[in-house]
Amino acid sequence: MEVSVKCEARHIFIRLSGELDHHSAKGLLRRLDQEIEKALPTQLTLDLSGVTFMDSSGIALLIRARQRMQELGGTADVCGAAAQARRVLDAAGLQRYLTIR
């Protein structure tokens, strides 16, 4: 899993590339927490356009990101999910908790 991070003001953009599964999720959760702690953003955008596979571990990651942003009084959204990842997001009903564009 490749991660690229860009911060503009208090908006952090995190682009994920590769497979978002149980093998990558633990380290990715830690990295996500570190990046949020460093930037203390008011908005987080997770770009999933490079994610080639996602399972329930990806759902857990997105929920954790949303929770962390709520703790900071901010928001989180998801963009660019490819077909397979979008099916997982839709099946889990994450659009009730996150803005998915």
Protein backbone atom coordinates (compact mmCIF):
# COMPACT_ATOMS: atom_id res chain seq x y z
CA MET A 1 0.00 0.00 0.00
CA GLU A 2 1.38 3.36 -1.04
CA VAL A 3 0.34 6.52 0.76
CA SER A 4 0.82 10.10 -0.35
CA VAL A 5 -0.10 13.02 1.86
CA LYS A 6 -0.68 16.64 0.97
CA CYS A 7 -1.73 19.38 3.38
CA GLU A 8 -3.23 22.72 2.40
CA ALA A 9 -4.11 24.98 5.30
CA ARG A 10 -6.06 22.66 7.63
CA HIS A 11 -7.21 20.26 4.90
CA ILE A 12 -5.28 17.02 4.57
CA PHE A 13 -5.48 14.92 1.41
CA ILE A 14 -4.39 11.30 1.69
CA ARG A 15 -4.17 9.22 -1.50
CA LEU A 16 -4.03 5.46 -1.14
CA SER A 17 -2.74 3.09 -3.83
CA GLY A 18 -2.72 -0.69 -3.84
CA GLU A 19 -4.66 -3.28 -1.88
CA LEU A 20 -6.47 -2.15 1.25
CA ASP A 21 -6.84 -5.41 3.13
CA HIS A 22 -6.07 -6.90 6.54
CA HIS A 23 -2.36 -7.09 5.65
CA SER A 24 -2.03 -3.36 5.03
CA ALA A 25 -4.72 -1.96 7.33
CA LYS A 26 -2.89 -2.10 10.67
CA GLY A 27 0.12 -0.13 9.47
CA LEU A 28 -2.14 2.18 7.52
CA LEU A 29 -4.25 2.93 10.61
CA ARG A 30 -1.09 3.88 12.47
CA ARG A 31 0.09 6.09 9.59
CA LEU A 32 -3.30 7.74 9.29
CA ASP A 33 -3.33 8.56 13.00
CA GLN A 34 0.20 10.00 12.74
CA GLU A 35 -0.66 12.20 9.77
CA ILE A 36 -3.82 13.50 11.46
CA GLU A 37 -1.92 14.21 14.69
CA LYS A 38 0.77 16.07 12.78
CA ALA A 39 -1.61 18.22 10.72
CA LEU A 40 -4.54 18.58 13.14
CA PRO A 41 -6.81 19.18 10.14
CA THR A 42 -10.40 20.35 10.08
CA GLN A 43 -11.02 18.35 6.91
CA LEU A 44 -9.70 15.02 5.67
CA THR A 45 -10.12 13.74 2.14
CA LEU A 46 -9.21 10.12 1.47
CA ASP A 47 -8.59 9.54 -2.23
CA LEU A 48 -9.20 5.88 -3.08
CA SER A 49 -8.64 6.20 -6.83
CA GLY A 50 -5.50 4.07 -6.61
CA VAL A 51 -7.04 1.32 -4.47
CA THR A 52 -7.22 -1.88 -6.54
CA PHE A 53 -8.87 -4.04 -3.85
CA MET A 54 -10.64 -3.28 -0.59
CA ASP A 55 -12.20 -5.56 2.02
CA SER A 56 -13.81 -4.97 5.42
CA SER A 57 -10.47 -3.73 6.76
CA GLY A 58 -10.90 -0.74 4.49
CA ILE A 59 -14.30 -0.07 6.01
CA ALA A 60 -12.73 -0.13 9.48
CA LEU A 61 -10.05 2.31 8.33
CA LEU A 62 -12.61 4.76 6.95
CA ILE A 63 -14.74 4.57 10.09
CA ARG A 64 -11.65 5.19 12.23
CA ALA A 65 -10.72 8.19 10.08
CA ARG A 66 -14.21 9.63 10.50
CA GLN A 67 -14.12 9.07 14.27
CA ARG A 68 -10.72 10.70 14.57
CA MET A 69 -11.85 13.73 12.59
CA GLN A 70 -15.00 14.03 14.73
CA GLU A 71 -12.78 14.07 17.83
CA LEU A 72 -11.01 17.08 16.30
CA GLY A 73 -14.28 18.75 15.36
CA GLY A 74 -13.63 18.16 11.68
CA THR A 75 -15.03 16.20 8.76
CA ALA A 76 -13.88 13.36 6.53
CA ASP A 77 -14.83 12.43 3.00
CA VAL A 78 -13.88 9.87 0.39
CA CYS A 79 -13.31 10.44 -3.31
CA GLY A 80 -12.31 8.51 -6.40
CA ALA A 81 -13.25 4.98 -5.32
CA ALA A 82 -12.88 2.54 -8.21
CA ALA A 83 -15.67 0.05 -8.97
CA GLN A 84 -14.65 -2.71 -6.56
CA ALA A 85 -14.01 -0.37 -3.65
CA ARG A 86 -17.23 1.52 -4.39
CA ARG A 87 -19.23 -1.73 -4.20
CA VAL A 88 -17.72 -2.41 -0.76
CA LEU A 89 -18.54 1.13 0.41
CA ASP A 90 -22.10 0.90 -0.90
CA ALA A 91 -22.69 -2.57 0.57
CA ALA A 92 -21.51 -1.34 3.98
CA GLY A 93 -23.76 1.73 3.79
CA LEU A 94 -20.88 4.08 4.50
CA GLN A 95 -22.59 6.91 2.61
CA ARG A 96 -24.68 7.35 5.78
CA TYR A 97 -21.52 8.31 7.69
CA LEU A 98 -19.16 9.78 5.11
CA THR A 99 -19.52 11.93 2.03
CA ILE A 100 -18.49 9.72 -0.88
CA ARG A 101 -17.84 11.47 -4.17
